[in-house]
Amino acid sequence: MRHLPAVIEAGVVEGAYAEVAELDARAPAGSSGGFGGVWLGVVQAAASRLTHIADRTVRQARVAAAAPEPTASRFQPDTTA
């Protein structure tokens, strides 16, 4: 279950991506016409970065899920006595 937090984090990042992606059609009210192109570029860059973060997080979760679970204790009692 060590990978569960990473999967949740990836879901949160994906949700943030969806929020940012909706901004591409909505430049701030009252902005000049030239600002729209800049706005779109910034939104696309943010969405791209969020996609990268979500993908990386999912990869890390898969690696963690494939790794063996750590043992509760490394102490091995001496049973020779």
Protein backbone atom coordinates (compact mmCIF):
# COMPACT_ATOMS: atom_id res chain seq x y z
CA MET A 1 0.00 0.00 0.00
CA ARG A 2 3.00 2.30 -0.17
CA HIS A 3 1.99 3.34 -3.68
CA LEU A 4 -1.47 4.56 -2.67
CA PRO A 5 -0.33 8.11 -1.74
CA ALA A 6 1.41 8.44 -5.12
CA VAL A 7 -1.71 7.31 -6.96
CA ILE A 8 -3.79 9.82 -5.00
CA GLU A 9 -1.25 12.55 -5.77
CA ALA A 10 -1.41 11.71 -9.47
CA GLY A 11 -5.20 12.01 -9.33
CA VAL A 12 -4.94 15.40 -7.68
CA VAL A 13 -2.49 16.61 -10.33
CA GLU A 14 -4.82 15.29 -13.04
CA GLY A 15 -7.65 17.28 -11.47
CA ALA A 16 -5.49 20.39 -11.46
CA TYR A 17 -4.70 19.77 -15.12
CA ALA A 18 -8.42 19.69 -15.93
CA GLU A 19 -8.88 23.01 -14.13
CA VAL A 20 -5.98 24.61 -16.02
CA ALA A 21 -7.11 23.20 -19.37
CA GLU A 22 -10.44 24.99 -18.96
CA LEU A 23 -8.61 28.31 -18.71
CA ASP A 24 -7.37 28.24 -22.30
CA ALA A 25 -10.60 29.70 -23.63
CA ARG A 26 -10.95 32.29 -20.87
CA ALA A 27 -8.39 35.04 -20.87
CA PRO A 28 -8.96 37.37 -17.91
CA ALA A 29 -11.77 39.84 -18.45
CA GLY A 30 -10.65 43.23 -19.65
CA SER A 31 -7.34 42.01 -21.08
CA SER A 32 -6.14 43.35 -24.40
CA GLY A 33 -6.39 41.36 -27.62
CA GLY A 34 -2.66 40.60 -27.73
CA PHE A 35 -2.78 39.16 -24.25
CA GLY A 36 -4.94 36.24 -25.44
CA GLY A 37 -2.02 34.59 -27.26
CA VAL A 38 0.24 35.00 -24.25
CA TRP A 39 -2.49 33.65 -21.98
CA LEU A 40 -2.93 30.57 -24.17
CA GLY A 41 0.83 29.94 -24.18
CA VAL A 42 1.02 30.16 -20.40
CA VAL A 43 -1.98 27.86 -19.93
CA GLN A 44 -0.51 25.31 -22.35
CA ALA A 45 2.85 25.41 -20.55
CA ALA A 46 1.17 24.90 -17.17
CA ALA A 47 -0.94 22.04 -18.51
CA SER A 48 2.14 20.41 -20.04
CA ARG A 49 4.02 20.64 -16.76
CA LEU A 50 1.09 19.17 -14.82
CA THR A 51 0.91 16.29 -17.29
CA HIS A 52 4.61 15.64 -16.76
CA ILE A 53 4.19 15.66 -12.96
CA ALA A 54 1.21 13.29 -13.10
CA ASP A 55 3.04 10.88 -15.42
CA ARG A 56 6.14 10.91 -13.22
CA THR A 57 4.04 10.31 -10.11
CA VAL A 58 2.28 7.34 -11.71
CA ARG A 59 5.63 5.85 -12.79
CA GLN A 60 6.94 6.22 -9.24
CA ALA A 61 3.78 4.55 -7.89
CA ARG A 62 4.27 1.61 -10.24
CA VAL A 63 7.89 1.21 -9.14
CA ALA A 64 6.86 1.37 -5.48
CA ALA A 65 4.10 -1.19 -6.07
CA ALA A 66 6.57 -3.57 -7.70
CA ALA A 67 9.12 -3.28 -4.89
CA PRO A 68 8.91 -5.78 -2.06
CA GLU A 69 7.32 -4.52 1.14
CA PRO A 70 9.87 -3.79 3.87
CA THR A 71 9.84 -6.17 6.78
CA ALA A 72 8.50 -4.91 10.08
CA SER A 73 11.78 -5.61 11.80
CA ARG A 74 15.23 -6.57 10.70
CA PHE A 75 15.98 -7.99 14.11
CA GLN A 76 16.57 -11.71 13.90
CA PRO A 77 16.50 -13.35 17.33
CA ASP A 78 19.30 -15.72 18.19
CA THR A 79 17.63 -19.12 18.61
CA THR A 80 20.87 -21.08 19.17
CA ALA A 81 20.96 -20.56 22.93
